[in-house]
């Protein structure tokens, strides 16, 4: 990612996810091969994350453009 996009995504995560009690309210649960993971929309990019409930930890698994983030890896 270029610096601008990385800054945009980091800023969004800090503003919306950091410190919240329920990070699921900002995302959408995924299905199929990404079952158990959550998606956050940040402009044309998607942040794929796992949410650990015990300590409210959001672990970012992947970041990519919406046109190719869901392709099998």
PDB file of N, CA and C in Angstrom:
ATOM      1  N   UNK A   1       0.831  -1.185   0.000  1.00  0.00           N
ATOM      2  CA  UNK A   1       0.000   0.000   0.000  1.00  0.00           C
ATOM      3  C   UNK A   1       0.875   1.247   0.000  1.00  0.00           C
ATOM      4  N   UNK A   2       0.385   2.281  -0.659  1.00  0.00           N
ATOM      5  CA  UNK A   2       1.126   3.536  -0.626  1.00  0.00           C
ATOM      6  C   UNK A   2       0.896   4.227   0.729  1.00  0.00           C
ATOM      7  N   UNK A   3       1.704   5.231   1.021  1.00  0.00           N
ATOM      8  CA  UNK A   3       1.656   5.873   2.341  1.00  0.00           C
ATOM      9  C   UNK A   3       0.301   6.513   2.624  1.00  0.00           C
ATOM     10  N   UNK A   4      -0.293   7.135   1.620  1.00  0.00           N
ATOM     11  CA  UNK A   4      -1.586   7.788   1.820  1.00  0.00           C
ATOM     12  C   UNK A   4      -2.657   6.777   2.214  1.00  0.00           C
ATOM     13  N   UNK A   5      -2.737   5.679   1.476  1.00  0.00           N
ATOM     14  CA  UNK A   5      -3.738   4.648   1.753  1.00  0.00           C
ATOM     15  C   UNK A   5      -3.504   4.024   3.121  1.00  0.00           C
ATOM     16  N   UNK A   6      -2.247   3.722   3.437  1.00  0.00           N
ATOM     17  CA  UNK A   6      -1.924   3.145   4.743  1.00  0.00           C
ATOM     18  C   UNK A   6      -2.327   4.098   5.861  1.00  0.00           C
ATOM     19  N   UNK A   7      -2.078   5.383   5.675  1.00  0.00           N
ATOM     20  CA  UNK A   7      -2.448   6.382   6.671  1.00  0.00           C
ATOM     21  C   UNK A   7      -3.967   6.476   6.814  1.00  0.00           C
ATOM     22  N   UNK A   8      -4.671   6.411   5.704  1.00  0.00           N
ATOM     23  CA  UNK A   8      -6.132   6.453   5.718  1.00  0.00           C
ATOM     24  C   UNK A   8      -6.706   5.272   6.500  1.00  0.00           C
ATOM     25  N   UNK A   9      -6.203   4.077   6.228  1.00  0.00           N
ATOM     26  CA  UNK A   9      -6.693   2.871   6.897  1.00  0.00           C
ATOM     27  C   UNK A   9      -6.331   2.883   8.379  1.00  0.00           C
ATOM     28  N   UNK A  10      -5.101   3.244   8.691  1.00  0.00           N
ATOM     29  CA  UNK A  10      -4.669   3.313  10.087  1.00  0.00           C
ATOM     30  C   UNK A  10      -5.507   4.324  10.865  1.00  0.00           C
ATOM     31  N   UNK A  11      -5.750   5.470  10.261  1.00  0.00           N
ATOM     32  CA  UNK A  11      -6.576   6.491  10.905  1.00  0.00           C
ATOM     33  C   UNK A  11      -7.995   6.007  11.154  1.00  0.00           C
ATOM     34  N   UNK A  12      -8.562   5.299  10.181  1.00  0.00           N
ATOM     35  CA  UNK A  12      -9.920   4.775  10.337  1.00  0.00           C
ATOM     36  C   UNK A  12      -9.971   3.760  11.472  1.00  0.00           C
ATOM     37  N   UNK A  13      -8.991   2.861  11.519  1.00  0.00           N
ATOM     38  CA  UNK A  13      -8.953   1.853  12.585  1.00  0.00           C
ATOM     39  C   UNK A  13      -8.819   2.510  13.955  1.00  0.00           C
ATOM     40  N   UNK A  14      -7.968   3.513  14.051  1.00  0.00           N
ATOM     41  CA  UNK A  14      -7.792   4.204  15.336  1.00  0.00           C
ATOM     42  C   UNK A  14      -9.066   4.932  15.754  1.00  0.00           C
ATOM     43  N   UNK A  15      -9.715   5.580  14.813  1.00  0.00           N
ATOM     44  CA  UNK A  15     -10.916   6.357  15.122  1.00  0.00           C
ATOM     45  C   UNK A  15     -12.100   5.462  15.492  1.00  0.00           C
ATOM     46  N   UNK A  16     -12.289   4.367  14.765  1.00  0.00           N
ATOM     47  CA  UNK A  16     -13.497   3.572  14.930  1.00  0.00           C
ATOM     48  C   UNK A  16     -13.334   2.313  15.772  1.00  0.00           C
ATOM     49  N   UNK A  17     -12.195   1.668  15.727  1.00  0.00           N
ATOM     50  CA  UNK A  17     -12.033   0.373  16.379  1.00  0.00           C
ATOM     51  C   UNK A  17     -11.297   0.471  17.711  1.00  0.00           C
ATOM     52  N   UNK A  18     -10.253   1.272  17.755  1.00  0.00           N
ATOM     53  CA  UNK A  18      -9.451   1.376  18.974  1.00  0.00           C
ATOM     54  C   UNK A  18     -10.301   1.881  20.139  1.00  0.00           C
ATOM     55  N   UNK A  19     -10.326   1.102  21.202  1.00  0.00           N
ATOM     56  CA  UNK A  19     -11.038   1.501  22.405  1.00  0.00           C
ATOM     57  C   UNK A  19     -12.523   1.171  22.440  1.00  0.00           C
ATOM     58  N   UNK A  20     -13.084   0.655  21.353  1.00  0.00           N
ATOM     59  CA  UNK A  20     -14.519   0.338  21.379  1.00  0.00           C
ATOM     60  C   UNK A  20     -14.747  -1.010  22.066  1.00  0.00           C
ATOM     61  N   UNK A  21     -15.924  -1.182  22.623  1.00  0.00           N
ATOM     62  CA  UNK A  21     -16.225  -2.420  23.338  1.00  0.00           C
ATOM     63  C   UNK A  21     -16.755  -3.508  22.420  1.00  0.00           C
ATOM     64  N   UNK A  22     -17.340  -3.127  21.273  1.00  0.00           N
ATOM     65  CA  UNK A  22     -17.867  -4.110  20.326  1.00  0.00           C
ATOM     66  C   UNK A  22     -17.426  -3.761  18.908  1.00  0.00           C
ATOM     67  N   UNK A  23     -16.260  -4.261  18.475  1.00  0.00           N
ATOM     68  CA  UNK A  23     -15.766  -3.932  17.139  1.00  0.00           C
ATOM     69  C   UNK A  23     -16.628  -4.499  16.015  1.00  0.00           C
ATOM     70  N   UNK A  24     -17.545  -5.396  16.325  1.00  0.00           N
ATOM     71  CA  UNK A  24     -18.418  -5.974  15.297  1.00  0.00           C
ATOM     72  C   UNK A  24     -19.430  -4.965  14.754  1.00  0.00           C
ATOM     73  N   UNK A  25     -19.718  -3.923  15.508  1.00  0.00           N
ATOM     74  CA  UNK A  25     -20.713  -2.948  15.075  1.00  0.00           C
ATOM     75  C   UNK A  25     -20.269  -2.175  13.836  1.00  0.00           C
ATOM     76  N   UNK A  26     -18.985  -2.141  13.549  1.00  0.00           N
ATOM     77  CA  UNK A  26     -18.470  -1.417  12.396  1.00  0.00           C
ATOM     78  C   UNK A  26     -18.197  -2.314  11.195  1.00  0.00           C
ATOM     79  N   UNK A  27     -18.300  -3.628  11.373  1.00  0.00           N
ATOM     80  CA  UNK A  27     -17.938  -4.552  10.304  1.00  0.00           C
ATOM     81  C   UNK A  27     -19.059  -5.470   9.901  1.00  0.00           C
ATOM     82  N   UNK A  28     -18.695  -6.434   9.073  1.00  0.00           N
ATOM     83  CA  UNK A  28     -19.644  -7.434   8.600  1.00  0.00           C
ATOM     84  C   UNK A  28     -18.957  -8.793   8.672  1.00  0.00           C
ATOM     85  N   UNK A  29     -19.660  -9.784   9.196  1.00  0.00           N
ATOM     86  CA  UNK A  29     -19.110 -11.132   9.270  1.00  0.00           C
ATOM     87  C   UNK A  29     -19.003 -11.755   7.889  1.00  0.00           C
ATOM     88  N   UNK A  30     -17.922 -12.478   7.647  1.00  0.00           N
ATOM     89  CA  UNK A  30     -17.722 -13.126   6.353  1.00  0.00           C
ATOM     90  C   UNK A  30     -18.135 -14.592   6.424  1.00  0.00           C
ATOM     91  N   UNK A  31     -18.337 -15.189   5.265  1.00  0.00           N
ATOM     92  CA  UNK A  31     -18.773 -16.582   5.182  1.00  0.00           C
ATOM     93  C   UNK A  31     -17.823 -17.373   4.294  1.00  0.00           C
ATOM     94  N   UNK A  32     -18.165 -18.603   4.040  1.00  0.00           N
ATOM     95  CA  UNK A  32     -17.423 -19.497   3.148  1.00  0.00           C
ATOM     96  C   UNK A  32     -15.999 -19.716   3.647  1.00  0.00           C
ATOM     97  N   UNK A  33     -15.005 -19.499   2.779  1.00  0.00           N
ATOM     98  CA  UNK A  33     -13.621 -19.789   3.157  1.00  0.00           C
ATOM     99  C   UNK A  33     -13.060 -18.790   4.169  1.00  0.00           C
ATOM    100  N   UNK A  34     -13.754 -17.711   4.441  1.00  0.00           N
ATOM    101  CA  UNK A  34     -13.317 -16.715   5.430  1.00  0.00           C
ATOM    102  C   UNK A  34     -14.267 -16.660   6.627  1.00  0.00           C
ATOM    103  N   UNK A  35     -14.953 -17.761   6.883  1.00  0.00           N
ATOM    104  CA  UNK A  35     -15.882 -17.829   8.006  1.00  0.00           C
ATOM    105  C   UNK A  35     -15.141 -17.555   9.311  1.00  0.00           C
ATOM    106  N   UNK A  36     -15.744 -16.759  10.167  1.00  0.00           N
ATOM    107  CA  UNK A  36     -15.115 -16.403  11.438  1.00  0.00           C
ATOM    108  C   UNK A  36     -14.314 -15.119  11.369  1.00  0.00           C
ATOM    109  N   UNK A  37     -14.153 -14.567  10.172  1.00  0.00           N
ATOM    110  CA  UNK A  37     -13.428 -13.311  10.008  1.00  0.00           C
ATOM    111  C   UNK A  37     -14.424 -12.186   9.738  1.00  0.00           C
ATOM    112  N   UNK A  38     -13.970 -10.968   9.960  1.00  0.00           N
ATOM    113  CA  UNK A  38     -14.819  -9.794   9.796  1.00  0.00           C
ATOM    114  C   UNK A  38     -14.226  -8.850   8.774  1.00  0.00           C
ATOM    115  N   UNK A  39     -15.093  -8.101   8.082  1.00  0.00           N
ATOM    116  CA  UNK A  39     -14.671  -7.156   7.053  1.00  0.00           C
ATOM    117  C   UNK A  39     -15.009  -5.742   7.497  1.00  0.00           C
ATOM    118  N   UNK A  40     -14.050  -4.841   7.311  1.00  0.00           N
ATOM    119  CA  UNK A  40     -14.282  -3.418   7.521  1.00  0.00           C
ATOM    120  C   UNK A  40     -14.057  -2.708   6.199  1.00  0.00           C
ATOM    121  N   UNK A  41     -14.985  -1.834   5.812  1.00  0.00           N
ATOM    122  CA  UNK A  41     -14.879  -1.076   4.567  1.00  0.00           C
ATOM    123  C   UNK A  41     -14.239   0.270   4.851  1.00  0.00           C
ATOM    124  N   UNK A  42     -13.139   0.543   4.168  1.00  0.00           N
ATOM    125  CA  UNK A  42     -12.453   1.827   4.301  1.00  0.00           C
ATOM    126  C   UNK A  42     -12.228   2.344   2.887  1.00  0.00           C
ATOM    127  N   UNK A  43     -13.143   3.157   2.393  1.00  0.00           N
ATOM    128  CA  UNK A  43     -13.068   3.630   1.010  1.00  0.00           C
ATOM    129  C   UNK A  43     -13.154   2.456   0.052  1.00  0.00           C
ATOM    130  N   UNK A  44     -12.218   2.369  -0.885  1.00  0.00           N
ATOM    131  CA  UNK A  44     -12.172   1.261  -1.840  1.00  0.00           C
ATOM    132  C   UNK A  44     -11.385   0.072  -1.315  1.00  0.00           C
ATOM    133  N   UNK A  45     -10.954   0.131  -0.074  1.00  0.00           N
ATOM    134  CA  UNK A  45     -10.153  -0.944   0.507  1.00  0.00           C
ATOM    135  C   UNK A  45     -10.958  -1.702   1.547  1.00  0.00           C
ATOM    136  N   UNK A  46     -10.541  -2.925   1.787  1.00  0.00           N
ATOM    137  CA  UNK A  46     -11.183  -3.767   2.784  1.00  0.00           C
ATOM    138  C   UNK A  46     -10.133  -4.264   3.765  1.00  0.00           C
ATOM    139  N   UNK A  47     -10.483  -4.248   5.030  1.00  0.00           N
ATOM    140  CA  UNK A  47      -9.621  -4.770   6.081  1.00  0.00           C
ATOM    141  C   UNK A  47     -10.287  -6.050   6.578  1.00  0.00           C
ATOM    142  N   UNK A  48      -9.588  -7.173   6.454  1.00  0.00           N
ATOM    143  CA  UNK A  48     -10.094  -8.456   6.925  1.00  0.00           C
ATOM    144  C   UNK A  48      -9.449  -8.712   8.283  1.00  0.00           C
ATOM    145  N   UNK A  49     -10.277  -9.029   9.285  1.00  0.00           N
ATOM    146  CA  UNK A  49      -9.758  -9.160  10.646  1.00  0.00           C
ATOM    147  C   UNK A  49     -10.411 -10.317  11.385  1.00  0.00           C
ATOM    148  N   UNK A  50      -9.693 -10.813  12.381  1.00  0.00           N
ATOM    149  CA  UNK A  50     -10.234 -11.769  13.344  1.00  0.00           C
ATOM    150  C   UNK A  50     -10.442 -11.007  14.643  1.00  0.00           C
ATOM    151  N   UNK A  51     -11.523 -11.305  15.343  1.00  0.00           N
ATOM    152  CA  UNK A  51     -11.816 -10.627  16.601  1.00  0.00           C
ATOM    153  C   UNK A  51     -11.682 -11.630  17.738  1.00  0.00           C
ATOM    154  N   UNK A  52     -10.805 -11.328  18.676  1.00  0.00           N
ATOM    155  CA  UNK A  52     -10.589 -12.162  19.861  1.00  0.00           C
ATOM    156  C   UNK A  52     -11.401 -11.564  21.009  1.00  0.00           C
ATOM    157  N   UNK A  53     -12.457 -12.242  21.411  1.00  0.00           N
ATOM    158  CA  UNK A  53     -13.386 -11.695  22.406  1.00  0.00           C
ATOM    159  C   UNK A  53     -12.812 -11.585  23.807  1.00  0.00           C
ATOM    160  N   UNK A  54     -11.912 -12.467  24.184  1.00  0.00           N
ATOM    161  CA  UNK A  54     -11.424 -12.495  25.558  1.00  0.00           C
ATOM    162  C   UNK A  54     -10.870 -11.146  26.000  1.00  0.00           C
ATOM    163  N   UNK A  55     -10.140 -10.470  25.127  1.00  0.00           N
ATOM    164  CA  UNK A  55      -9.512  -9.201  25.478  1.00  0.00           C
ATOM    165  C   UNK A  55      -9.886  -8.092  24.504  1.00  0.00           C
ATOM    166  N   UNK A  56     -10.886  -8.291  23.692  1.00  0.00           N
ATOM    167  CA  UNK A  56     -11.303  -7.364  22.638  1.00  0.00           C
ATOM    168  C   UNK A  56     -10.098  -6.950  21.801  1.00  0.00           C
ATOM    169  N   UNK A  57      -9.518  -7.926  21.126  1.00  0.00           N
ATOM    170  CA  UNK A  57      -8.383  -7.708  20.236  1.00  0.00           C
ATOM    171  C   UNK A  57      -8.852  -7.911  18.806  1.00  0.00           C
ATOM    172  N   UNK A  58      -8.529  -6.955  17.937  1.00  0.00           N
ATOM    173  CA  UNK A  58      -8.831  -7.083  16.516  1.00  0.00           C
ATOM    174  C   UNK A  58      -7.508  -7.323  15.804  1.00  0.00           C
ATOM    175  N   UNK A  59      -7.352  -8.523  15.256  1.00  0.00           N
ATOM    176  CA  UNK A  59      -6.127  -8.910  14.566  1.00  0.00           C
ATOM    177  C   UNK A  59      -6.356  -8.768  13.068  1.00  0.00           C
ATOM    178  N   UNK A  60      -5.658  -7.846  12.425  1.00  0.00           N
ATOM    179  CA  UNK A  60      -5.809  -7.632  10.985  1.00  0.00           C
ATOM    180  C   UNK A  60      -5.111  -8.762  10.251  1.00  0.00           C
ATOM    181  N   UNK A  61      -5.865  -9.462   9.405  1.00  0.00           N
ATOM    182  CA  UNK A  61      -5.356 -10.602   8.658  1.00  0.00           C
ATOM    183  C   UNK A  61      -4.901 -10.184   7.270  1.00  0.00           C
ATOM    184  N   UNK A  62      -5.644  -9.280   6.624  1.00  0.00           N
ATOM    185  CA  UNK A  62      -5.312  -8.851   5.264  1.00  0.00           C
ATOM    186  C   UNK A  62      -5.899  -7.474   5.004  1.00  0.00           C
ATOM    187  N   UNK A  63      -5.229  -6.729   4.127  1.00  0.00           N
ATOM    188  CA  UNK A  63      -5.721  -5.442   3.652  1.00  0.00           C
ATOM    189  C   UNK A  63      -5.521  -5.433   2.152  1.00  0.00           C
ATOM    190  N   UNK A  64      -6.536  -5.030   1.409  1.00  0.00           N
ATOM    191  CA  UNK A  64      -6.385  -4.978  -0.035  1.00  0.00           C
ATOM    192  C   UNK A  64      -7.525  -4.243  -0.696  1.00  0.00           C
ATOM    193  N   UNK A  65      -7.360  -3.990  -1.991  1.00  0.00           N
ATOM    194  CA  UNK A  65      -8.394  -3.324  -2.772  1.00  0.00           C
ATOM    195  C   UNK A  65      -9.605  -4.227  -2.875  1.00  0.00           C
ATOM    196  N   UNK A  66     -10.768  -3.636  -2.923  1.00  0.00           N
ATOM    197  CA  UNK A  66     -12.001  -4.426  -2.924  1.00  0.00           C
ATOM    198  C   UNK A  66     -12.121  -5.349  -4.122  1.00  0.00           C
ATOM    199  N   UNK A  67     -11.398  -5.061  -5.207  1.00  0.00           N
ATOM    200  CA  UNK A  67     -11.493  -5.892  -6.411  1.00  0.00           C
ATOM    201  C   UNK A  67     -10.787  -7.234  -6.268  1.00  0.00           C
ATOM    202  N   UNK A  68      -9.850  -7.355  -5.321  1.00  0.00           N
ATOM    203  CA  UNK A  68      -9.114  -8.620  -5.228  1.00  0.00           C
ATOM    204  C   UNK A  68      -8.877  -9.141  -3.813  1.00  0.00           C
ATOM    205  N   UNK A  69      -9.441  -8.515  -2.809  1.00  0.00           N
ATOM    206  CA  UNK A  69      -9.172  -8.943  -1.432  1.00  0.00           C
ATOM    207  C   UNK A  69      -9.799 -10.294  -1.108  1.00  0.00           C
ATOM    208  N   UNK A  70     -10.881 -10.653  -1.784  1.00  0.00           N
ATOM    209  CA  UNK A  70     -11.586 -11.887  -1.444  1.00  0.00           C
ATOM    210  C   UNK A  70     -11.094 -13.103  -2.217  1.00  0.00           C
ATOM    211  N   UNK A  71     -10.129 -12.940  -3.112  1.00  0.00           N
ATOM    212  CA  UNK A  71      -9.603 -14.073  -3.874  1.00  0.00           C
ATOM    213  C   UNK A  71      -8.903 -15.048  -2.944  1.00  0.00           C
ATOM    214  N   UNK A  72      -8.980 -16.336  -3.296  1.00  0.00           N
ATOM    215  CA  UNK A  72      -8.303 -17.355  -2.477  1.00  0.00           C
ATOM    216  C   UNK A  72      -6.806 -17.122  -2.514  1.00  0.00           C
ATOM    217  N   UNK A  73      -6.176 -17.344  -1.381  1.00  0.00           N
ATOM    218  CA  UNK A  73      -4.742 -17.083  -1.278  1.00  0.00           C
ATOM    219  C   UNK A  73      -3.940 -18.341  -1.376  1.00  0.00           C
TER     220      UNK A  73
END
